[in-house]
């Protein structure tokens, strides 16, 4: 696949995700799109990112999540040197959950 086709395909995926309006729609989409193993890996990475943002040490993260040190290291690298996607998404999700808890 050449770079132009990959960019178009990625854009379609992002537009599909952005078109979803509820957690239930997201769940249905991701259950259709991904294997349970892929979903579990994404959930684990998000949990690792959350714990790293709380300054939890690697050994504690391994014990809590079962993530490998390589996964934790990769997520940490993304948090420190990546595009900010983890932090942005987690901050927004935490705000949304906080707003719902306050209802």
Foldseek 3Di string as FASTA:
>chain_A
DDPVVVVVVVVVVVVVCVVDDDPVSVVVVCVVVDPPVVVLLVVLLLVLLVVVVVVDDPVVSCVVRVDDSVSSVVSVCCCVPNDCVSVVVVVVVVVVVVVVVVD
